[in-house]
Amino acid sequence: MYFKFIAAFFALVGSVFASDLKKFDIEVIAPSSGLPEQGLPEKLAKKITQLLGNMKIDVPIGGSEAQVFADENAKFLKLDKSLRSNHKILWALRGGYGADKLMPFVVQADYSKVPSKIIIGYSDLTPLMIHLSQKYGWIAINAPMLKDFVIGDKSKQSYQSIINFLNNICSCTKNSLKISDLKPINDIAKSKKVVAGKITGGNITCIISTIGTSWQIETSGKIVFLEDTNVTSFRLDRLLTHMKNAGLFRNAKAIIFGDFGADVMKVLKRFASKLDIPVYKSSRFGHGNTNLPFVYNYTGTIRRIGNKTEVEMRVHE
């Protein structure tokens, strides 16, 4: 039944996006989990290669549990080869677990002479995207991964938004992204009409793992996008409290909370009430059905117009 669902989805949606993806210079990276060991790998790998125009890809096998015992050096050598390749776009196969274990190798490497690339992913890719965007100014885009295109657990708008964005970049068209469902959840946000700052953020659990490292997230002067999946109220409060205690919100411009896979609005509102920066809630990015792109280091401008609040992201000019 599950295989039939994949086939049906790919026939409906995959065919729509396959022609779009084939025209981009994409290399698949897999610093996190591979595909499950039983049942799905061959079918998913075949669909992904078809999606990219039958490009040969090395699809790793082994879910998140397997990454505890994975050969970190071997995984890094594959990633390093991709980071130094001639391909312009490096698109993550999936998230899961494992990227953290490669970060010391990535940080010790020098990519300053490598032509800048576009990195696409989210979730477990967060530390890698933070580092490459902060240190080298590469374009890092929080957006659906290739496995998402095949499985089809995101909205059509999620896929179309990232494709439209890449089309504009490749055609050197002035590019911007918008998320238009922001809801102010503390008094400062309700009173602010305009807030501006560069974009950073990602998955909270993965951001926590950067604290105290040389690739720690930089939040000063920035609008911080935060999301997670299936978190309990007390666990989320613990993560946010640790970020606050570590000073990550002290000089931030604003916070935008995304999807959390659970009803945690009470926690978010209480936490936001204790901050002296504007805090907003969106349901348009994260692990949920809709995952619209946001771009690290782009300049975000939050505007309140009447009863509507949105954030627009543009490359700094």
C-alpha atoms as a PDB file:
ATOM      1  CA  MET A   1       0.000   0.000   0.000  1.00  0.00           C
ATOM      2  CA  TYR A   2       2.807   2.431   0.923  1.00  0.00           C
ATOM      3  CA  PHE A   3       4.672   1.739  -2.324  1.00  0.00           C
ATOM      4  CA  LYS A   4       1.441   2.352  -4.256  1.00  0.00           C
ATOM      5  CA  PHE A   5       1.092   5.694  -2.469  1.00  0.00           C
ATOM      6  CA  ILE A   6       4.648   6.695  -3.457  1.00  0.00           C
ATOM      7  CA  ALA A   7       4.036   5.700  -7.057  1.00  0.00           C
ATOM      8  CA  ALA A   8       0.733   7.573  -7.150  1.00  0.00           C
ATOM      9  CA  PHE A   9       2.259  10.681  -5.626  1.00  0.00           C
ATOM     10  CA  PHE A  10       5.225  10.664  -7.982  1.00  0.00           C
ATOM     11  CA  ALA A  11       2.954  10.283 -10.988  1.00  0.00           C
ATOM     12  CA  LEU A  12       0.894  13.257  -9.803  1.00  0.00           C
ATOM     13  CA  VAL A  13       3.462  15.611  -8.257  1.00  0.00           C
ATOM     14  CA  GLY A  14       6.849  14.179  -9.223  1.00  0.00           C
ATOM     15  CA  SER A  15       6.115  14.592 -12.898  1.00  0.00           C
ATOM     16  CA  VAL A  16       5.223  18.227 -12.273  1.00  0.00           C
ATOM     17  CA  PHE A  17       8.504  19.025 -10.530  1.00  0.00           C
ATOM     18  CA  ALA A  18      10.870  16.619 -12.319  1.00  0.00           C
ATOM     19  CA  SER A  19      11.226  18.882 -15.358  1.00  0.00           C
ATOM     20  CA  ASP A  20      11.898  21.829 -13.019  1.00  0.00           C
ATOM     21  CA  LEU A  21      14.581  20.073 -10.986  1.00  0.00           C
ATOM     22  CA  LYS A  22      16.369  18.563 -13.982  1.00  0.00           C
ATOM     23  CA  LYS A  23      17.414  21.985 -15.245  1.00  0.00           C
ATOM     24  CA  PHE A  24      19.333  22.854 -12.077  1.00  0.00           C
ATOM     25  CA  ASP A  25      22.945  21.876 -11.393  1.00  0.00           C
ATOM     26  CA  ILE A  26      22.203  19.693  -8.360  1.00  0.00           C
ATOM     27  CA  GLU A  27      24.367  17.308  -6.377  1.00  0.00           C
ATOM     28  CA  VAL A  28      22.777  15.203  -3.637  1.00  0.00           C
ATOM     29  CA  ILE A  29      24.414  15.301  -0.206  1.00  0.00           C
ATOM     30  CA  ALA A  30      23.657  12.972   2.703  1.00  0.00           C
ATOM     31  CA  PRO A  31      25.464  14.117   5.863  1.00  0.00           C
ATOM     32  CA  SER A  32      22.579  12.917   8.021  1.00  0.00           C
ATOM     33  CA  SER A  33      20.549   9.698   7.967  1.00  0.00           C
ATOM     34  CA  GLY A  34      20.366   7.420   4.961  1.00  0.00           C
ATOM     35  CA  LEU A  35      17.320   5.567   3.697  1.00  0.00           C
ATOM     36  CA  PRO A  36      15.732   2.761   5.758  1.00  0.00           C
ATOM     37  CA  GLU A  37      17.452  -0.589   5.537  1.00  0.00           C
ATOM     38  CA  GLN A  38      14.305  -2.541   4.758  1.00  0.00           C
ATOM     39  CA  GLY A  39      11.778  -2.101   1.975  1.00  0.00           C
ATOM     40  CA  LEU A  40      12.128   1.464   0.741  1.00  0.00           C
ATOM     41  CA  PRO A  41      15.726   2.223  -0.313  1.00  0.00           C
ATOM     42  CA  GLU A  42      15.625   0.912  -3.885  1.00  0.00           C
ATOM     43  CA  LYS A  43      12.236   2.407  -4.686  1.00  0.00           C
ATOM     44  CA  LEU A  44      13.018   5.791  -3.130  1.00  0.00           C
ATOM     45  CA  ALA A  45      16.488   5.939  -4.681  1.00  0.00           C
ATOM     46  CA  LYS A  46      15.018   5.205  -8.106  1.00  0.00           C
ATOM     47  CA  LYS A  47      12.404   7.948  -7.719  1.00  0.00           C
ATOM     48  CA  ILE A  48      15.023  10.464  -6.595  1.00  0.00           C
ATOM     49  CA  THR A  49      17.306   9.693  -9.531  1.00  0.00           C
ATOM     50  CA  GLN A  50      14.345  10.063 -11.889  1.00  0.00           C
ATOM     51  CA  LEU A  51      13.490  13.355 -10.246  1.00  0.00           C
ATOM     52  CA  LEU A  52      16.980  14.643 -11.042  1.00  0.00           C
ATOM     53  CA  GLY A  53      17.122  13.315 -14.584  1.00  0.00           C
ATOM     54  CA  ASN A  54      18.551   9.841 -13.891  1.00  0.00           C
ATOM     55  CA  MET A  55      21.642  11.348 -12.291  1.00  0.00           C
ATOM     56  CA  LYS A  56      23.625   8.617 -10.562  1.00  0.00           C
ATOM     57  CA  ILE A  57      23.651   9.212  -6.822  1.00  0.00           C
ATOM     58  CA  ASP A  58      25.242   7.352  -3.947  1.00  0.00           C
ATOM     59  CA  VAL A  59      22.264   6.820  -1.651  1.00  0.00           C
ATOM     60  CA  PRO A  60      23.416   5.804   1.843  1.00  0.00           C
ATOM     61  CA  ILE A  61      21.500   3.116   3.687  1.00  0.00           C
ATOM     62  CA  GLY A  62      20.749   3.240   7.390  1.00  0.00           C
ATOM     63  CA  GLY A  63      18.351   5.358   9.423  1.00  0.00           C
ATOM     64  CA  SER A  64      19.088   7.586  12.401  1.00  0.00           C
ATOM     65  CA  GLU A  65      19.999   4.747  14.785  1.00  0.00           C
ATOM     66  CA  ALA A  66      22.650   3.539  12.338  1.00  0.00           C
ATOM     67  CA  GLN A  67      24.377   6.937  12.410  1.00  0.00           C
ATOM     68  CA  VAL A  68      25.494   6.329  15.996  1.00  0.00           C
ATOM     69  CA  PHE A  69      27.885   3.709  14.612  1.00  0.00           C
ATOM     70  CA  ALA A  70      28.571   5.214  11.157  1.00  0.00           C
ATOM     71  CA  ASP A  71      32.146   5.851   9.994  1.00  0.00           C
ATOM     72  CA  GLU A  72      32.358   9.625  10.505  1.00  0.00           C
ATOM     73  CA  ASN A  73      35.578  10.004   8.534  1.00  0.00           C
ATOM     74  CA  ALA A  74      34.156   8.153   5.526  1.00  0.00           C
ATOM     75  CA  LYS A  75      30.976  10.222   5.636  1.00  0.00           C
ATOM     76  CA  PHE A  76      32.954  13.453   5.854  1.00  0.00           C
ATOM     77  CA  LEU A  77      35.147  12.515   2.878  1.00  0.00           C
ATOM     78  CA  LYS A  78      31.985  12.149   0.761  1.00  0.00           C
ATOM     79  CA  LEU A  79      30.613  15.438   2.025  1.00  0.00           C
ATOM     80  CA  ASP A  80      33.934  17.221   1.534  1.00  0.00           C
ATOM     81  CA  LYS A  81      34.083  16.003  -2.065  1.00  0.00           C
ATOM     82  CA  SER A  82      30.608  17.461  -2.657  1.00  0.00           C
ATOM     83  CA  LEU A  83      31.472  20.759  -0.955  1.00  0.00           C
ATOM     84  CA  ARG A  84      34.484  21.094  -3.300  1.00  0.00           C
ATOM     85  CA  SER A  85      32.683  19.862  -6.422  1.00  0.00           C
ATOM     86  CA  ASN A  86      31.724  21.952  -9.454  1.00  0.00           C
ATOM     87  CA  HIS A  87      28.015  21.573  -8.764  1.00  0.00           C
ATOM     88  CA  LYS A  88      26.296  24.823  -7.804  1.00  0.00           C
ATOM     89  CA  ILE A  89      23.452  23.389  -5.706  1.00  0.00           C
ATOM     90  CA  LEU A  90      23.977  20.864  -2.911  1.00  0.00           C
ATOM     91  CA  TRP A  91      20.591  19.479  -1.919  1.00  0.00           C
ATOM     92  CA  ALA A  92      20.185  17.226   1.114  1.00  0.00           C
ATOM     93  CA  LEU A  93      18.663  13.791   0.643  1.00  0.00           C
ATOM     94  CA  ARG A  94      16.986  13.885   4.064  1.00  0.00           C
ATOM     95  CA  GLY A  95      17.486  14.878   7.689  1.00  0.00           C
ATOM     96  CA  GLY A  96      17.402  12.561  10.665  1.00  0.00           C
ATOM     97  CA  TYR A  97      20.692  12.387  12.561  1.00  0.00           C
ATOM     98  CA  GLY A  98      24.414  12.497  11.890  1.00  0.00           C
ATOM     99  CA  ALA A  99      25.441  15.944  10.616  1.00  0.00           C
ATOM    100  CA  ASP A 100      26.600  17.022  14.088  1.00  0.00           C
ATOM    101  CA  LYS A 101      29.213  14.273  14.100  1.00  0.00           C
ATOM    102  CA  LEU A 102      30.772  15.663  10.912  1.00  0.00           C
ATOM    103  CA  MET A 103      30.953  19.284  12.019  1.00  0.00           C
ATOM    104  CA  PRO A 104      34.461  19.150  13.599  1.00  0.00           C
ATOM    105  CA  PHE A 105      35.811  17.855  10.261  1.00  0.00           C
ATOM    106  CA  VAL A 106      33.923  20.526   8.298  1.00  0.00           C
ATOM    107  CA  VAL A 107      35.159  23.323  10.563  1.00  0.00           C
ATOM    108  CA  GLN A 108      38.787  22.187  10.254  1.00  0.00           C
ATOM    109  CA  ALA A 109      38.522  22.163   6.451  1.00  0.00           C
ATOM    110  CA  ASP A 110      38.973  25.357   4.437  1.00  0.00           C
ATOM    111  CA  TYR A 111      36.401  26.200   1.756  1.00  0.00           C
ATOM    112  CA  SER A 112      37.382  29.849   1.348  1.00  0.00           C
ATOM    113  CA  LYS A 113      38.706  29.258  -2.186  1.00  0.00           C
ATOM    114  CA  VAL A 114      35.761  27.099  -3.267  1.00  0.00           C
ATOM    115  CA  PRO A 115      33.213  28.930  -5.462  1.00  0.00           C
ATOM    116  CA  SER A 116      30.154  29.702  -3.346  1.00  0.00           C
ATOM    117  CA  LYS A 117      27.336  27.194  -3.416  1.00  0.00           C
ATOM    118  CA  ILE A 118      23.678  26.921  -2.519  1.00  0.00           C
ATOM    119  CA  ILE A 119      22.927  24.467   0.314  1.00  0.00           C
ATOM    120  CA  ILE A 120      19.323  23.245   0.685  1.00  0.00           C
ATOM    121  CA  GLY A 121      17.904  21.307   3.616  1.00  0.00           C
ATOM    122  CA  TYR A 122      16.534  21.698   7.133  1.00  0.00           C
ATOM    123  CA  SER A 123      16.245  19.840  10.441  1.00  0.00           C
ATOM    124  CA  ASP A 124      19.513  17.927  11.048  1.00  0.00           C
ATOM    125  CA  LEU A 125      21.235  20.046   8.357  1.00  0.00           C
ATOM    126  CA  THR A 126      20.881  23.137  10.578  1.00  0.00           C
ATOM    127  CA  PRO A 127      24.466  23.202  12.018  1.00  0.00           C
ATOM    128  CA  LEU A 128      26.041  22.708   8.578  1.00  0.00           C
ATOM    129  CA  MET A 129      23.917  25.460   7.044  1.00  0.00           C
ATOM    130  CA  ILE A 130      24.653  27.828   9.920  1.00  0.00           C
ATOM    131  CA  HIS A 131      28.408  27.301   9.594  1.00  0.00           C
ATOM    132  CA  LEU A 132      28.679  27.564   5.807  1.00  0.00           C
ATOM    133  CA  SER A 133      26.502  30.670   5.689  1.00  0.00           C
ATOM    134  CA  GLN A 134      28.217  32.380   8.638  1.00  0.00           C
ATOM    135  CA  LYS A 135      31.810  31.644   7.687  1.00  0.00           C
ATOM    136  CA  TYR A 136      31.750  31.645   3.888  1.00  0.00           C
ATOM    137  CA  GLY A 137      28.591  33.567   3.027  1.00  0.00           C
ATOM    138  CA  TRP A 138      27.155  30.653   1.043  1.00  0.00           C
ATOM    139  CA  ILE A 139      23.435  30.728   0.340  1.00  0.00           C
ATOM    140  CA  ALA A 140      21.782  28.294   2.751  1.00  0.00           C
ATOM    141  CA  ILE A 141      18.073  27.679   2.266  1.00  0.00           C
ATOM    142  CA  ASN A 142      15.797  26.050   4.826  1.00  0.00           C
ATOM    143  CA  ALA A 143      13.436  24.167   2.485  1.00  0.00           C
ATOM    144  CA  PRO A 144      12.066  20.680   1.633  1.00  0.00           C
ATOM    145  CA  MET A 145      14.654  17.988   0.995  1.00  0.00           C
ATOM    146  CA  LEU A 146      14.721  15.594  -1.951  1.00  0.00           C
ATOM    147  CA  LYS A 147      13.137  12.773   0.020  1.00  0.00           C
ATOM    148  CA  ASP A 148      10.230  15.136   0.735  1.00  0.00           C
ATOM    149  CA  PHE A 149       9.627  15.576  -3.006  1.00  0.00           C
ATOM    150  CA  VAL A 150       9.306  11.815  -3.432  1.00  0.00           C
ATOM    151  CA  ILE A 151       7.334  10.987  -0.283  1.00  0.00           C
ATOM    152  CA  GLY A 152       5.090  13.999  -0.794  1.00  0.00           C
ATOM    153  CA  ASP A 153       4.457  14.954   2.822  1.00  0.00           C
ATOM    154  CA  LYS A 154       4.708  18.694   2.098  1.00  0.00           C
ATOM    155  CA  SER A 155       2.248  20.997   0.382  1.00  0.00           C
ATOM    156  CA  LYS A 156       2.591  21.752  -3.317  1.00  0.00           C
ATOM    157  CA  GLN A 157       3.279  25.372  -2.374  1.00  0.00           C
ATOM    158  CA  SER A 158       6.320  24.240  -0.364  1.00  0.00           C
ATOM    159  CA  TYR A 159       7.900  22.599  -3.408  1.00  0.00           C
ATOM    160  CA  GLN A 160       6.886  25.309  -5.857  1.00  0.00           C
ATOM    161  CA  SER A 161       8.282  28.090  -3.656  1.00  0.00           C
ATOM    162  CA  ILE A 162      11.805  26.670  -3.580  1.00  0.00           C
ATOM    163  CA  ILE A 163      11.753  25.943  -7.325  1.00  0.00           C
ATOM    164  CA  ASN A 164      10.586  29.491  -8.111  1.00  0.00           C
ATOM    165  CA  PHE A 165      13.292  30.863  -5.851  1.00  0.00           C
ATOM    166  CA  LEU A 166      16.019  28.843  -7.582  1.00  0.00           C
ATOM    167  CA  ASN A 167      14.688  29.875 -11.000  1.00  0.00           C
ATOM    168  CA  ASN A 168      15.107  33.513 -10.024  1.00  0.00           C
ATOM    169  CA  ILE A 169      18.626  32.978  -8.665  1.00  0.00           C
ATOM    170  CA  CYS A 170      19.726  31.160 -11.820  1.00  0.00           C
ATOM    171  CA  SER A 171      18.264  33.873 -14.042  1.00  0.00           C
ATOM    172  CA  CYS A 172      19.840  36.633 -11.886  1.00  0.00           C
ATOM    173  CA  THR A 173      16.358  38.006 -11.183  1.00  0.00           C
ATOM    174  CA  LYS A 174      15.930  40.097  -8.048  1.00  0.00           C
ATOM    175  CA  ASN A 175      14.623  37.596  -5.599  1.00  0.00           C
ATOM    176  CA  SER A 176      12.500  37.801  -2.487  1.00  0.00           C
ATOM    177  CA  LEU A 177      10.518  35.411  -0.336  1.00  0.00           C
ATOM    178  CA  LYS A 178       7.527  36.102   1.882  1.00  0.00           C
ATOM    179  CA  ILE A 179       5.826  34.358   4.759  1.00  0.00           C
ATOM    180  CA  SER A 180       2.565  36.167   5.339  1.00  0.00           C
ATOM    181  CA  ASP A 181       0.799  34.505   8.260  1.00  0.00           C
ATOM    182  CA  LEU A 182       2.798  35.941  11.179  1.00  0.00           C
ATOM    183  CA  LYS A 183       0.904  36.434  14.437  1.00  0.00           C
ATOM    184  CA  PRO A 184       2.448  38.681  17.129  1.00  0.00           C
ATOM    185  CA  ILE A 185       2.498  36.745  20.417  1.00  0.00           C
ATOM    186  CA  ASN A 186       3.972  39.304  22.826  1.00  0.00           C
ATOM    187  CA  ASP A 187       3.212  42.955  23.502  1.00  0.00           C
ATOM    188  CA  ILE A 188       6.370  44.261  21.821  1.00  0.00           C
ATOM    189  CA  ALA A 189       5.498  42.465  18.589  1.00  0.00           C
ATOM    190  CA  LYS A 190       1.972  43.861  18.734  1.00  0.00           C
ATOM    191  CA  SER A 191       3.294  47.418  18.995  1.00  0.00           C
ATOM    192  CA  LYS A 192       6.037  47.152  16.337  1.00  0.00           C
ATOM    193  CA  LYS A 193       5.234  48.090  12.757  1.00  0.00           C
ATOM    194  CA  VAL A 194       8.627  47.294  11.208  1.00  0.00           C
ATOM    195  CA  VAL A 195      11.503  45.046  12.317  1.00  0.00           C
ATOM    196  CA  ALA A 196      14.552  44.328  10.144  1.00  0.00           C
ATOM    197  CA  GLY A 197      17.601  42.087  10.459  1.00  0.00           C
ATOM    198  CA  LYS A 198      19.478  39.288   8.754  1.00  0.00           C
ATOM    199  CA  ILE A 199      17.974  35.807   8.889  1.00  0.00           C
ATOM    200  CA  THR A 200      19.252  32.817  10.836  1.00  0.00           C
ATOM    201  CA  GLY A 201      17.770  29.924  12.809  1.00  0.00           C
ATOM    202  CA  GLY A 202      16.520  26.426  12.067  1.00  0.00           C
ATOM    203  CA  ASN A 203      15.683  23.404  14.180  1.00  0.00           C
ATOM    204  CA  ILE A 204      15.914  24.237  17.904  1.00  0.00           C
ATOM    205  CA  THR A 205      17.284  20.856  18.987  1.00  0.00           C
ATOM    206  CA  CYS A 206      20.065  21.135  16.401  1.00  0.00           C
ATOM    207  CA  ILE A 207      20.770  24.785  17.249  1.00  0.00           C
ATOM    208  CA  ILE A 208      21.258  23.800  20.897  1.00  0.00           C
ATOM    209  CA  SER A 209      23.989  21.410  19.742  1.00  0.00           C
ATOM    210  CA  THR A 210      26.002  24.351  18.333  1.00  0.00           C
ATOM    211  CA  ILE A 211      26.201  26.199  21.663  1.00  0.00           C
ATOM    212  CA  GLY A 212      29.755  26.255  23.002  1.00  0.00           C
ATOM    213  CA  THR A 213      31.277  25.126  19.693  1.00  0.00           C
ATOM    214  CA  SER A 214      33.286  27.125  17.160  1.00  0.00           C
ATOM    215  CA  TRP A 215      30.291  26.900  14.820  1.00  0.00           C
ATOM    216  CA  GLN A 216      27.809  28.318  17.339  1.00  0.00           C
ATOM    217  CA  ILE A 217      24.902  30.189  15.828  1.00  0.00           C
ATOM    218  CA  GLU A 218      25.262  33.985  15.701  1.00  0.00           C
ATOM    219  CA  THR A 219      22.006  35.723  16.599  1.00  0.00           C
ATOM    220  CA  SER A 220      23.040  39.303  17.367  1.00  0.00           C
ATOM    221  CA  GLY A 221      21.135  41.722  15.146  1.00  0.00           C
ATOM    222  CA  LYS A 222      19.242  38.879  13.476  1.00  0.00           C
ATOM    223  CA  ILE A 223      15.698  37.610  13.026  1.00  0.00           C
ATOM    224  CA  VAL A 224      15.767  34.061  14.383  1.00  0.00           C
ATOM    225  CA  PHE A 225      13.498  31.433  12.782  1.00  0.00           C
ATOM    226  CA  LEU A 226      12.860  28.473  15.120  1.00  0.00           C
ATOM    227  CA  GLU A 227      11.014  25.184  14.644  1.00  0.00           C
ATOM    228  CA  ASP A 228      11.040  21.590  15.863  1.00  0.00           C
ATOM    229  CA  THR A 229       8.962  18.448  15.662  1.00  0.00           C
ATOM    230  CA  ASN A 230       6.841  16.471  18.134  1.00  0.00           C
ATOM    231  CA  VAL A 231       8.181  18.256  21.190  1.00  0.00           C
ATOM    232  CA  THR A 232       6.527  18.116  24.607  1.00  0.00           C
ATOM    233  CA  SER A 233       5.812  21.371  26.416  1.00  0.00           C
ATOM    234  CA  PHE A 234       8.450  20.905  29.108  1.00  0.00           C
ATOM    235  CA  ARG A 235      11.117  19.839  26.598  1.00  0.00           C
ATOM    236  CA  LEU A 236      10.452  22.868  24.416  1.00  0.00           C
ATOM    237  CA  ASP A 237      10.541  25.156  27.447  1.00  0.00           C
ATOM    238  CA  ARG A 238      13.867  23.600  28.460  1.00  0.00           C
ATOM    239  CA  LEU A 239      15.369  24.185  24.986  1.00  0.00           C
ATOM    240  CA  LEU A 240      14.172  27.787  24.793  1.00  0.00           C
ATOM    241  CA  THR A 241      15.315  28.489  28.337  1.00  0.00           C
ATOM    242  CA  HIS A 242      18.778  27.172  27.522  1.00  0.00           C
ATOM    243  CA  MET A 243      18.984  29.418  24.456  1.00  0.00           C
ATOM    244  CA  LYS A 244      17.935  32.378  26.599  1.00  0.00           C
ATOM    245  CA  ASN A 245      20.394  31.483  29.374  1.00  0.00           C
ATOM    246  CA  ALA A 246      23.160  31.223  26.768  1.00  0.00           C
ATOM    247  CA  GLY A 247      22.405  34.813  25.692  1.00  0.00           C
ATOM    248  CA  LEU A 248      21.206  33.939  22.206  1.00  0.00           C
ATOM    249  CA  PHE A 249      18.164  36.225  22.420  1.00  0.00           C
ATOM    250  CA  ARG A 250      19.900  39.129  24.145  1.00  0.00           C
ATOM    251  CA  ASN A 251      20.703  41.137  20.997  1.00  0.00           C
ATOM    252  CA  ALA A 252      18.440  39.411  18.490  1.00  0.00           C
ATOM    253  CA  LYS A 253      16.044  41.587  16.494  1.00  0.00           C
ATOM    254  CA  ALA A 254      13.075  39.215  16.637  1.00  0.00           C
ATOM    255  CA  ILE A 255      12.011  35.581  16.839  1.00  0.00           C
ATOM    256  CA  ILE A 256       9.646  33.817  14.456  1.00  0.00           C
ATOM    257  CA  PHE A 257       8.390  30.440  15.700  1.00  0.00           C
ATOM    258  CA  GLY A 258       7.313  27.936  13.056  1.00  0.00           C
ATOM    259  CA  ASP A 259       5.652  24.535  13.228  1.00  0.00           C
ATOM    260  CA  PHE A 260       6.344  22.258  16.218  1.00  0.00           C
ATOM    261  CA  GLY A 261       4.223  19.222  15.410  1.00  0.00           C
ATOM    262  CA  ALA A 262       2.210  19.760  18.592  1.00  0.00           C
ATOM    263  CA  ASP A 263       0.061  22.403  20.262  1.00  0.00           C
ATOM    264  CA  VAL A 264       2.676  24.362  22.205  1.00  0.00           C
ATOM    265  CA  MET A 265       1.239  27.856  21.805  1.00  0.00           C
ATOM    266  CA  LYS A 266       0.778  28.236  25.558  1.00  0.00           C
ATOM    267  CA  VAL A 267       4.496  27.590  26.086  1.00  0.00           C
ATOM    268  CA  LEU A 268       5.520  29.948  23.291  1.00  0.00           C
ATOM    269  CA  LYS A 269       3.321  32.790  24.541  1.00  0.00           C
ATOM    270  CA  ARG A 270       4.560  32.468  28.115  1.00  0.00           C
ATOM    271  CA  PHE A 271       8.178  32.370  26.976  1.00  0.00           C
ATOM    272  CA  ALA A 272       7.675  35.316  24.599  1.00  0.00           C
ATOM    273  CA  SER A 273       6.169  37.408  27.424  1.00  0.00           C
ATOM    274  CA  LYS A 274       9.515  37.282  29.250  1.00  0.00           C
ATOM    275  CA  LEU A 275      11.543  38.634  26.305  1.00  0.00           C
ATOM    276  CA  ASP A 276      12.169  42.256  25.371  1.00  0.00           C
ATOM    277  CA  ILE A 277      12.210  41.567  21.618  1.00  0.00           C
ATOM    278  CA  PRO A 278       9.212  41.008  19.318  1.00  0.00           C
ATOM    279  CA  VAL A 279       8.105  37.378  18.916  1.00  0.00           C
ATOM    280  CA  TYR A 280       5.826  36.004  16.205  1.00  0.00           C
ATOM    281  CA  LYS A 281       4.225  32.665  15.314  1.00  0.00           C
ATOM    282  CA  SER A 282       3.861  31.168  11.833  1.00  0.00           C
ATOM    283  CA  SER A 283       2.539  27.832  10.635  1.00  0.00           C
ATOM    284  CA  ARG A 284       4.275  28.088   7.253  1.00  0.00           C
ATOM    285  CA  PHE A 285       7.706  26.601   7.921  1.00  0.00           C
ATOM    286  CA  GLY A 286       9.084  23.597   9.760  1.00  0.00           C
ATOM    287  CA  HIS A 287       8.384  19.866   9.799  1.00  0.00           C
ATOM    288  CA  GLY A 288       4.667  20.267   9.109  1.00  0.00           C
ATOM    289  CA  ASN A 289       2.768  20.007   5.839  1.00  0.00           C
ATOM    290  CA  THR A 290       3.895  23.462   4.712  1.00  0.00           C
ATOM    291  CA  ASN A 291       7.605  24.293   4.751  1.00  0.00           C
ATOM    292  CA  LEU A 292       8.169  27.556   2.900  1.00  0.00           C
ATOM    293  CA  PRO A 293      11.807  28.557   2.369  1.00  0.00           C
ATOM    294  CA  PHE A 294      13.790  31.004   4.449  1.00  0.00           C
ATOM    295  CA  VAL A 295      17.339  32.011   3.541  1.00  0.00           C
ATOM    296  CA  TYR A 296      20.231  32.470   5.947  1.00  0.00           C
ATOM    297  CA  ASN A 297      21.921  35.900   5.763  1.00  0.00           C
ATOM    298  CA  TYR A 298      19.164  37.396   3.621  1.00  0.00           C
ATOM    299  CA  THR A 299      17.739  40.588   5.109  1.00  0.00           C
ATOM    300  CA  GLY A 300      14.313  40.034   6.594  1.00  0.00           C
ATOM    301  CA  THR A 301      11.820  42.837   7.080  1.00  0.00           C
ATOM    302  CA  ILE A 302       8.790  42.186   9.261  1.00  0.00           C
ATOM    303  CA  ARG A 303       5.918  44.567   8.499  1.00  0.00           C
ATOM    304  CA  ARG A 304       2.534  44.965  10.116  1.00  0.00           C
ATOM    305  CA  ILE A 305      -0.050  46.377   7.713  1.00  0.00           C
ATOM    306  CA  GLY A 306      -3.482  46.603   9.310  1.00  0.00           C
ATOM    307  CA  ASN A 307      -4.269  43.187  10.770  1.00  0.00           C
ATOM    308  CA  LYS A 308      -1.711  41.415   8.595  1.00  0.00           C
ATOM    309  CA  THR A 309       1.925  40.773   9.550  1.00  0.00           C
ATOM    310  CA  GLU A 310       4.455  39.311   7.118  1.00  0.00           C
ATOM    311  CA  VAL A 311       8.183  38.854   6.738  1.00  0.00           C
ATOM    312  CA  GLU A 312       9.850  39.561   3.402  1.00  0.00           C
ATOM    313  CA  MET A 313      13.357  38.260   2.763  1.00  0.00           C
ATOM    314  CA  ARG A 314      15.712  39.823   0.225  1.00  0.00           C
ATOM    315  CA  VAL A 315      19.393  39.538  -0.559  1.00  0.00           C
ATOM    316  CA  HIS A 316      21.218  42.446   1.080  1.00  0.00           C
ATOM    317  CA  GLU A 317      21.818  45.166  -1.515  1.00  0.00           C
END
